[in-house]
Amino acid sequence: MSNILLVTDSKSFMISSLAKQLEEQGHKIIFTQNDPSDISKIKEEVQMVLIYEEELDSEGLIYLKDKVIEESIPVFATGDTNQIAEIEKVIPKQFIIKNFLRPINVKEVVGEIDKYLREDSSQMKKKILVVDDSGAMLRNVKAWLQDKYQVILANSGAMAIKYLAMNHPDLVLLDYEMPICDGRQVLEMIRSESDFSNVPVIFLTSRNDRESVMSVTSLKPDGYLLKTMEPKQIVQAINDFFEKKKGTL
């Protein structure tokens, strides 16, 4: 079952029919208005966002965009030509799977969403949470890995812990040097929480001095990669990690 976040300000028969048919296909519908305060209350892990707004709110769209990017959530959008254009100004196009001009054909929309979710699920992409305070580094790592993995971004240790409290990624790529809460402290918190203490963690950092490496050894990270490595070497190391892990199952 996939969780679909239905962003709507409508209570029309069309919305009810859309939600009912998606539920009949085995998906769970989570309703929210396009408002930061409403979207921030969503605690469940979301596999898809469906936008069906009569009146688009730019502040809500910006907040929704951040959630979509951070959690790599695919988006389906409905609207007239102007509404679609407005959505595409805010939501990066690489996250928008398909747009539907209204009035929509409910059966067609449901079929497209269900097909996408089932095909995406069959690919079984591993989820990797990348934690780094550098926006440039986050974008680079996402670009290196996104073809093969589902990449979620966190720009602070606090954001990483918040994500882990509700989700269980297959791997955390963790920077060492971060303000307020550094990589070692993040790993300490991960290992101390029973709900996610077994999540694999690999450091991806510029720190290669013996003292830094030894300070985290007792916390049993699953690897230690350097940012100075070639991108293809980093990707290969992550591929090798999952291959080795597969062999131990």
C-alpha atoms as a PDB file:
ATOM      1  CA  MET A   1       0.000   0.000   0.000  1.00  0.00           C
ATOM      2  CA  SER A   2       1.248   3.486  -0.896  1.00  0.00           C
ATOM      3  CA  ASN A   3       0.421   6.662   1.001  1.00  0.00           C
ATOM      4  CA  ILE A   4      -0.818   9.400  -1.338  1.00  0.00           C
ATOM      5  CA  LEU A   5      -0.851  12.961  -0.035  1.00  0.00           C
ATOM      6  CA  LEU A   6      -3.874  14.604  -1.664  1.00  0.00           C
ATOM      7  CA  VAL A   7      -3.429  18.376  -1.518  1.00  0.00           C
ATOM      8  CA  THR A   8      -6.839  19.920  -2.008  1.00  0.00           C
ATOM      9  CA  ASP A   9      -9.139  22.689  -0.856  1.00  0.00           C
ATOM     10  CA  SER A  10     -12.121  21.019  -2.488  1.00  0.00           C
ATOM     11  CA  LYS A  11     -14.781  18.718  -1.057  1.00  0.00           C
ATOM     12  CA  SER A  12     -16.385  18.068  -4.406  1.00  0.00           C
ATOM     13  CA  PHE A  13     -17.855  14.854  -5.754  1.00  0.00           C
ATOM     14  CA  MET A  14     -14.817  14.657  -8.066  1.00  0.00           C
ATOM     15  CA  ILE A  15     -12.414  14.593  -5.111  1.00  0.00           C
ATOM     16  CA  SER A  16     -14.511  12.002  -3.285  1.00  0.00           C
ATOM     17  CA  SER A  17     -14.594   9.809  -6.381  1.00  0.00           C
ATOM     18  CA  LEU A  18     -10.857  10.203  -6.943  1.00  0.00           C
ATOM     19  CA  ALA A  19     -10.042   9.278  -3.352  1.00  0.00           C
ATOM     20  CA  LYS A  20     -12.452   6.336  -3.325  1.00  0.00           C
ATOM     21  CA  GLN A  21     -11.068   4.807  -6.527  1.00  0.00           C
ATOM     22  CA  LEU A  22      -7.455   5.193  -5.339  1.00  0.00           C
ATOM     23  CA  GLU A  23      -8.386   3.506  -2.065  1.00  0.00           C
ATOM     24  CA  GLU A  24     -10.034   0.683  -4.006  1.00  0.00           C
ATOM     25  CA  GLN A  25      -6.645   0.142  -5.685  1.00  0.00           C
ATOM     26  CA  GLY A  26      -5.124  -0.369  -2.233  1.00  0.00           C
ATOM     27  CA  HIS A  27      -3.666   3.092  -1.599  1.00  0.00           C
ATOM     28  CA  LYS A  28      -4.145   5.216   1.506  1.00  0.00           C
ATOM     29  CA  ILE A  29      -5.252   8.826   0.980  1.00  0.00           C
ATOM     30  CA  ILE A  30      -3.929  11.508   3.335  1.00  0.00           C
ATOM     31  CA  PHE A  31      -5.866  14.741   2.902  1.00  0.00           C
ATOM     32  CA  THR A  32      -4.232  18.124   3.480  1.00  0.00           C
ATOM     33  CA  GLN A  33      -4.833  21.698   2.425  1.00  0.00           C
ATOM     34  CA  ASN A  34      -2.080  23.576   0.624  1.00  0.00           C
ATOM     35  CA  ASP A  35      -1.051  25.317   3.820  1.00  0.00           C
ATOM     36  CA  PRO A  36       2.300  25.050   5.686  1.00  0.00           C
ATOM     37  CA  SER A  37       0.635  24.431   9.047  1.00  0.00           C
ATOM     38  CA  ASP A  38      -1.437  21.551   7.631  1.00  0.00           C
ATOM     39  CA  ILE A  39       1.385  19.999   5.612  1.00  0.00           C
ATOM     40  CA  SER A  40       3.754  20.130   8.601  1.00  0.00           C
ATOM     41  CA  LYS A  41       1.358  17.924  10.569  1.00  0.00           C
ATOM     42  CA  ILE A  42       1.807  15.006   8.157  1.00  0.00           C
ATOM     43  CA  LYS A  43       3.633  12.277  10.087  1.00  0.00           C
ATOM     44  CA  GLU A  44       3.244   9.315   7.736  1.00  0.00           C
ATOM     45  CA  GLU A  45       5.801   8.511   5.056  1.00  0.00           C
ATOM     46  CA  VAL A  46       4.432   9.688   1.704  1.00  0.00           C
ATOM     47  CA  GLN A  47       5.082   7.919  -1.616  1.00  0.00           C
ATOM     48  CA  MET A  48       3.143  10.305  -3.865  1.00  0.00           C
ATOM     49  CA  VAL A  49       1.742  13.845  -3.871  1.00  0.00           C
ATOM     50  CA  LEU A  50      -1.418  14.620  -5.862  1.00  0.00           C
ATOM     51  CA  ILE A  51      -2.289  18.313  -6.178  1.00  0.00           C
ATOM     52  CA  TYR A  52      -5.938  19.216  -6.802  1.00  0.00           C
ATOM     53  CA  GLU A  53      -6.325  22.849  -5.760  1.00  0.00           C
ATOM     54  CA  GLU A  54      -8.993  25.292  -6.856  1.00  0.00           C
ATOM     55  CA  GLU A  55      -7.068  28.255  -5.424  1.00  0.00           C
ATOM     56  CA  LEU A  56      -3.291  27.813  -5.331  1.00  0.00           C
ATOM     57  CA  ASP A  57      -1.455  29.373  -2.393  1.00  0.00           C
ATOM     58  CA  SER A  58       2.152  30.289  -3.214  1.00  0.00           C
ATOM     59  CA  GLU A  59       3.356  29.987   0.392  1.00  0.00           C
ATOM     60  CA  GLY A  60       1.848  26.521   0.653  1.00  0.00           C
ATOM     61  CA  LEU A  61       3.393  25.486  -2.663  1.00  0.00           C
ATOM     62  CA  ILE A  62       6.839  26.603  -1.492  1.00  0.00           C
ATOM     63  CA  TYR A  63       6.478  24.588   1.707  1.00  0.00           C
ATOM     64  CA  LEU A  64       5.239  21.602  -0.294  1.00  0.00           C
ATOM     65  CA  LYS A  65       8.200  21.986  -2.671  1.00  0.00           C
ATOM     66  CA  ASP A  66      10.637  21.673   0.253  1.00  0.00           C
ATOM     67  CA  LYS A  67       8.970  18.458   1.420  1.00  0.00           C
ATOM     68  CA  VAL A  68       8.981  17.032  -2.106  1.00  0.00           C
ATOM     69  CA  ILE A  69      12.688  17.788  -2.608  1.00  0.00           C
ATOM     70  CA  GLU A  70      13.826  16.658   0.851  1.00  0.00           C
ATOM     71  CA  GLU A  71      11.993  13.333   0.633  1.00  0.00           C
ATOM     72  CA  SER A  72      12.222  12.827  -3.157  1.00  0.00           C
ATOM     73  CA  ILE A  73       8.450  12.479  -3.543  1.00  0.00           C
ATOM     74  CA  PRO A  74       6.962  12.232  -7.062  1.00  0.00           C
ATOM     75  CA  VAL A  75       4.144  14.642  -7.885  1.00  0.00           C
ATOM     76  CA  PHE A  76       1.019  14.405 -10.042  1.00  0.00           C
ATOM     77  CA  ALA A  77      -0.757  17.728 -10.581  1.00  0.00           C
ATOM     78  CA  THR A  78      -4.155  18.793 -11.871  1.00  0.00           C
ATOM     79  CA  GLY A  79      -5.382  22.219 -12.919  1.00  0.00           C
ATOM     80  CA  ASP A  80      -6.086  24.524 -15.804  1.00  0.00           C
ATOM     81  CA  THR A  81      -3.237  25.796 -17.994  1.00  0.00           C
ATOM     82  CA  ASN A  82      -2.438  28.720 -15.685  1.00  0.00           C
ATOM     83  CA  GLN A  83      -2.515  26.584 -12.543  1.00  0.00           C
ATOM     84  CA  ILE A  84      -0.212  23.982 -14.060  1.00  0.00           C
ATOM     85  CA  ALA A  85       2.209  26.744 -15.075  1.00  0.00           C
ATOM     86  CA  GLU A  86       2.129  28.142 -11.531  1.00  0.00           C
ATOM     87  CA  ILE A  87       2.844  24.715 -10.039  1.00  0.00           C
ATOM     88  CA  GLU A  88       5.755  24.186 -12.413  1.00  0.00           C
ATOM     89  CA  LYS A  89       7.265  27.530 -11.405  1.00  0.00           C
ATOM     90  CA  VAL A  90       7.633  26.235  -7.848  1.00  0.00           C
ATOM     91  CA  ILE A  91       7.908  22.432  -7.965  1.00  0.00           C
ATOM     92  CA  PRO A  92      11.043  21.331  -9.872  1.00  0.00           C
ATOM     93  CA  LYS A  93       9.993  19.633 -13.104  1.00  0.00           C
ATOM     94  CA  GLN A  94      12.051  16.510 -12.412  1.00  0.00           C
ATOM     95  CA  PHE A  95       9.641  15.712  -9.559  1.00  0.00           C
ATOM     96  CA  ILE A  96       6.459  16.243 -11.601  1.00  0.00           C
ATOM     97  CA  ILE A  97       5.568  12.917 -13.186  1.00  0.00           C
ATOM     98  CA  LYS A  98       2.457  14.056 -15.040  1.00  0.00           C
ATOM     99  CA  ASN A  99       0.005  16.948 -15.275  1.00  0.00           C
ATOM    100  CA  PHE A 100      -3.728  16.547 -15.921  1.00  0.00           C
ATOM    101  CA  LEU A 101      -5.757  19.407 -17.343  1.00  0.00           C
ATOM    102  CA  ARG A 102      -9.114  19.858 -15.678  1.00  0.00           C
ATOM    103  CA  PRO A 103     -11.812  18.740 -16.019  1.00  0.00           C
ATOM    104  CA  ILE A 104     -10.067  15.432 -15.380  1.00  0.00           C
ATOM    105  CA  ASN A 105     -11.043  11.895 -16.266  1.00  0.00           C
ATOM    106  CA  VAL A 106     -10.989  10.253 -12.823  1.00  0.00           C
ATOM    107  CA  LYS A 107     -10.452   6.752 -14.187  1.00  0.00           C
ATOM    108  CA  GLU A 108      -7.491   7.939 -16.275  1.00  0.00           C
ATOM    109  CA  VAL A 109      -5.857   9.756 -13.345  1.00  0.00           C
ATOM    110  CA  VAL A 110      -6.319   6.793 -11.009  1.00  0.00           C
ATOM    111  CA  GLY A 111      -4.935   4.419 -13.637  1.00  0.00           C
ATOM    112  CA  GLU A 112      -1.826   6.537 -14.259  1.00  0.00           C
ATOM    113  CA  ILE A 113      -1.080   6.986 -10.553  1.00  0.00           C
ATOM    114  CA  ASP A 114      -1.657   3.324  -9.718  1.00  0.00           C
ATOM    115  CA  LYS A 115       0.529   2.214 -12.628  1.00  0.00           C
ATOM    116  CA  TYR A 116       3.350   4.519 -11.615  1.00  0.00           C
ATOM    117  CA  LEU A 117       3.271   3.506  -7.962  1.00  0.00           C
ATOM    118  CA  ARG A 118       3.231  -0.204  -8.746  1.00  0.00           C
ATOM    119  CA  GLU A 119       6.078   0.064 -11.261  1.00  0.00           C
ATOM    120  CA  ASP A 120       8.101   2.269  -8.902  1.00  0.00           C
ATOM    121  CA  SER A 121       7.469  -0.159  -6.046  1.00  0.00           C
ATOM    122  CA  SER A 122       8.621  -3.091  -8.158  1.00  0.00           C
ATOM    123  CA  GLN A 123      11.969  -1.395  -8.678  1.00  0.00           C
ATOM    124  CA  MET A 124      12.554  -1.561  -4.896  1.00  0.00           C
ATOM    125  CA  LYS A 125      14.871   1.415  -4.796  1.00  0.00           C
ATOM    126  CA  LYS A 126      16.915   1.613  -1.633  1.00  0.00           C
ATOM    127  CA  LYS A 127      16.430   4.771   0.421  1.00  0.00           C
ATOM    128  CA  ILE A 128      19.528   6.752   1.316  1.00  0.00           C
ATOM    129  CA  LEU A 129      19.381   9.673   3.751  1.00  0.00           C
ATOM    130  CA  VAL A 130      22.200  12.129   3.003  1.00  0.00           C
ATOM    131  CA  VAL A 131      23.112  14.442   5.891  1.00  0.00           C
ATOM    132  CA  ASP A 132      25.336  17.439   5.198  1.00  0.00           C
ATOM    133  CA  ASP A 133      25.164  21.157   6.000  1.00  0.00           C
ATOM    134  CA  SER A 134      26.460  22.029   2.510  1.00  0.00           C
ATOM    135  CA  GLY A 135      23.656  22.530   0.006  1.00  0.00           C
ATOM    136  CA  ALA A 136      26.085  22.078  -2.882  1.00  0.00           C
ATOM    137  CA  MET A 137      27.276  18.744  -1.497  1.00  0.00           C
ATOM    138  CA  LEU A 138      23.699  17.541  -0.986  1.00  0.00           C
ATOM    139  CA  ARG A 139      22.845  18.381  -4.590  1.00  0.00           C
ATOM    140  CA  ASN A 140      25.984  16.658  -5.869  1.00  0.00           C
ATOM    141  CA  VAL A 141      25.382  13.440  -3.932  1.00  0.00           C
ATOM    142  CA  LYS A 142      21.743  13.377  -5.033  1.00  0.00           C
ATOM    143  CA  ALA A 143      22.818  13.746  -8.666  1.00  0.00           C
ATOM    144  CA  TRP A 144      25.310  10.867  -8.308  1.00  0.00           C
ATOM    145  CA  LEU A 145      22.847   8.471  -6.678  1.00  0.00           C
ATOM    146  CA  GLN A 146      19.316   9.312  -7.793  1.00  0.00           C
ATOM    147  CA  ASP A 147      19.241   7.068 -10.870  1.00  0.00           C
ATOM    148  CA  LYS A 148      19.638   3.962  -8.732  1.00  0.00           C
ATOM    149  CA  TYR A 149      18.518   5.032  -5.261  1.00  0.00           C
ATOM    150  CA  GLN A 150      15.806   7.097  -3.626  1.00  0.00           C
ATOM    151  CA  VAL A 151      17.733   9.974  -2.062  1.00  0.00           C
ATOM    152  CA  ILE A 152      16.425  12.002   0.881  1.00  0.00           C
ATOM    153  CA  LEU A 153      18.302  15.153   1.920  1.00  0.00           C
ATOM    154  CA  ALA A 154      18.849  16.636   5.390  1.00  0.00           C
ATOM    155  CA  ASN A 155      20.934  19.769   5.919  1.00  0.00           C
ATOM    156  CA  SER A 156      21.421  19.323   9.661  1.00  0.00           C
ATOM    157  CA  GLY A 157      21.736  16.642  12.302  1.00  0.00           C
ATOM    158  CA  ALA A 158      18.447  17.743  13.848  1.00  0.00           C
ATOM    159  CA  MET A 159      16.628  17.320  10.518  1.00  0.00           C
ATOM    160  CA  ALA A 160      18.156  13.851  10.115  1.00  0.00           C
ATOM    161  CA  ILE A 161      16.972  12.703  13.542  1.00  0.00           C
ATOM    162  CA  LYS A 162      13.513  14.134  12.874  1.00  0.00           C
ATOM    163  CA  TYR A 163      13.314  12.146   9.630  1.00  0.00           C
ATOM    164  CA  LEU A 164      14.566   8.949  11.285  1.00  0.00           C
ATOM    165  CA  ALA A 165      11.914   9.227  13.989  1.00  0.00           C
ATOM    166  CA  MET A 166       9.251   8.551  11.334  1.00  0.00           C
ATOM    167  CA  ASN A 167      11.144   6.687   8.581  1.00  0.00           C
ATOM    168  CA  HIS A 168      13.624   3.868   8.193  1.00  0.00           C
ATOM    169  CA  PRO A 169      16.127   4.445   5.353  1.00  0.00           C
ATOM    170  CA  ASP A 170      18.381   1.661   4.115  1.00  0.00           C
ATOM    171  CA  LEU A 171      21.492   3.788   4.633  1.00  0.00           C
ATOM    172  CA  VAL A 172      22.560   7.127   6.110  1.00  0.00           C
ATOM    173  CA  LEU A 173      25.436   9.008   4.452  1.00  0.00           C
ATOM    174  CA  LEU A 174      26.686  11.292   7.205  1.00  0.00           C
ATOM    175  CA  ASP A 175      28.997  14.291   7.155  1.00  0.00           C
ATOM    176  CA  TYR A 176      31.358  14.680  10.127  1.00  0.00           C
ATOM    177  CA  GLU A 177      31.730  18.451  10.360  1.00  0.00           C
ATOM    178  CA  MET A 178      28.375  20.171  10.901  1.00  0.00           C
ATOM    179  CA  PRO A 179      27.399  23.080  13.164  1.00  0.00           C
ATOM    180  CA  ILE A 180      25.480  22.584  16.429  1.00  0.00           C
ATOM    181  CA  CYS A 181      25.196  18.792  16.069  1.00  0.00           C
ATOM    182  CA  ASP A 182      28.162  17.153  14.316  1.00  0.00           C
ATOM    183  CA  GLY A 183      28.317  13.743  12.676  1.00  0.00           C
ATOM    184  CA  ARG A 184      29.617  11.967  15.745  1.00  0.00           C
ATOM    185  CA  GLN A 185      26.755  13.292  17.863  1.00  0.00           C
ATOM    186  CA  VAL A 186      24.238  12.279  15.199  1.00  0.00           C
ATOM    187  CA  LEU A 187      25.636   8.746  15.122  1.00  0.00           C
ATOM    188  CA  GLU A 188      25.538   8.591  18.923  1.00  0.00           C
ATOM    189  CA  MET A 189      21.842   9.498  18.850  1.00  0.00           C
ATOM    190  CA  ILE A 190      21.130   6.947  16.114  1.00  0.00           C
ATOM    191  CA  ARG A 191      22.839   4.161  18.056  1.00  0.00           C
ATOM    192  CA  SER A 192      21.075   5.112  21.308  1.00  0.00           C
ATOM    193  CA  GLU A 193      17.531   5.010  19.901  1.00  0.00           C
ATOM    194  CA  SER A 194      16.095   1.504  19.735  1.00  0.00           C
ATOM    195  CA  ASP A 195      13.663   2.414  16.936  1.00  0.00           C
ATOM    196  CA  PHE A 196      16.467   3.118  14.445  1.00  0.00           C
ATOM    197  CA  SER A 197      19.699   2.008  16.129  1.00  0.00           C
ATOM    198  CA  ASN A 198      20.277  -0.632  13.456  1.00  0.00           C
ATOM    199  CA  VAL A 199      20.171   1.787  10.491  1.00  0.00           C
ATOM    200  CA  PRO A 200      23.493   1.497   8.622  1.00  0.00           C
ATOM    201  CA  VAL A 201      25.616   4.674   8.660  1.00  0.00           C
ATOM    202  CA  ILE A 202      28.542   5.501   6.388  1.00  0.00           C
ATOM    203  CA  PHE A 203      30.509   8.685   6.923  1.00  0.00           C
ATOM    204  CA  LEU A 204      31.051  10.834   3.832  1.00  0.00           C
ATOM    205  CA  THR A 205      33.403  13.545   5.021  1.00  0.00           C
ATOM    206  CA  SER A 206      36.529  15.599   4.454  1.00  0.00           C
ATOM    207  CA  ARG A 207      37.937  14.554   7.847  1.00  0.00           C
ATOM    208  CA  ASN A 208      40.550  11.855   7.341  1.00  0.00           C
ATOM    209  CA  ASP A 209      42.788  12.430  10.379  1.00  0.00           C
ATOM    210  CA  ARG A 210      43.349   9.462  12.661  1.00  0.00           C
ATOM    211  CA  GLU A 211      41.768  11.165  15.669  1.00  0.00           C
ATOM    212  CA  SER A 212      38.475  11.778  13.855  1.00  0.00           C
ATOM    213  CA  VAL A 213      38.306   8.245  12.514  1.00  0.00           C
ATOM    214  CA  MET A 214      39.123   6.672  15.876  1.00  0.00           C
ATOM    215  CA  SER A 215      36.578   8.852  17.714  1.00  0.00           C
ATOM    216  CA  VAL A 216      33.689   7.190  15.863  1.00  0.00           C
ATOM    217  CA  THR A 217      35.050   3.636  15.710  1.00  0.00           C
ATOM    218  CA  SER A 218      33.331   2.611  18.955  1.00  0.00           C
ATOM    219  CA  LEU A 219      29.990   3.673  17.471  1.00  0.00           C
ATOM    220  CA  LYS A 220      30.436   1.113  14.693  1.00  0.00           C
ATOM    221  CA  PRO A 221      29.832   3.063  11.483  1.00  0.00           C
ATOM    222  CA  ASP A 222      29.450   0.850   8.421  1.00  0.00           C
ATOM    223  CA  GLY A 223      32.057   2.727   6.419  1.00  0.00           C
ATOM    224  CA  TYR A 224      34.126   5.878   6.087  1.00  0.00           C
ATOM    225  CA  LEU A 225      34.316   7.599   2.698  1.00  0.00           C
ATOM    226  CA  LEU A 226      36.150  10.797   1.800  1.00  0.00           C
ATOM    227  CA  LYS A 227      34.640  13.638  -0.200  1.00  0.00           C
ATOM    228  CA  THR A 228      37.928  13.882  -2.082  1.00  0.00           C
ATOM    229  CA  MET A 229      37.219  10.526  -3.735  1.00  0.00           C
ATOM    230  CA  GLU A 230      35.985  10.480  -7.320  1.00  0.00           C
ATOM    231  CA  PRO A 231      32.159  10.431  -7.488  1.00  0.00           C
ATOM    232  CA  LYS A 232      32.233   7.086  -9.292  1.00  0.00           C
ATOM    233  CA  GLN A 233      34.326   5.640  -6.433  1.00  0.00           C
ATOM    234  CA  ILE A 234      31.799   6.853  -3.868  1.00  0.00           C
ATOM    235  CA  VAL A 235      28.915   5.398  -5.864  1.00  0.00           C
ATOM    236  CA  GLN A 236      30.775   2.111  -6.297  1.00  0.00           C
ATOM    237  CA  ALA A 237      31.466   1.917  -2.555  1.00  0.00           C
ATOM    238  CA  ILE A 238      27.752   2.347  -1.844  1.00  0.00           C
ATOM    239  CA  ASN A 239      26.838  -0.241  -4.483  1.00  0.00           C
ATOM    240  CA  ASP A 240      29.360  -2.631  -2.923  1.00  0.00           C
ATOM    241  CA  PHE A 241      27.888  -2.017   0.532  1.00  0.00           C
ATOM    242  CA  PHE A 242      24.411  -3.046  -0.607  1.00  0.00           C
ATOM    243  CA  GLU A 243      25.734  -6.046  -2.547  1.00  0.00           C
ATOM    244  CA  LYS A 244      27.640  -7.244   0.514  1.00  0.00           C
ATOM    245  CA  LYS A 245      24.600  -6.679   2.698  1.00  0.00           C
ATOM    246  CA  LYS A 246      22.444  -8.663   0.270  1.00  0.00           C
ATOM    247  CA  GLY A 247      24.855 -11.571   0.571  1.00  0.00           C
ATOM    248  CA  THR A 248      24.477 -11.688   4.354  1.00  0.00           C
ATOM    249  CA  LEU A 249      20.658 -11.857   4.325  1.00  0.00           C
END
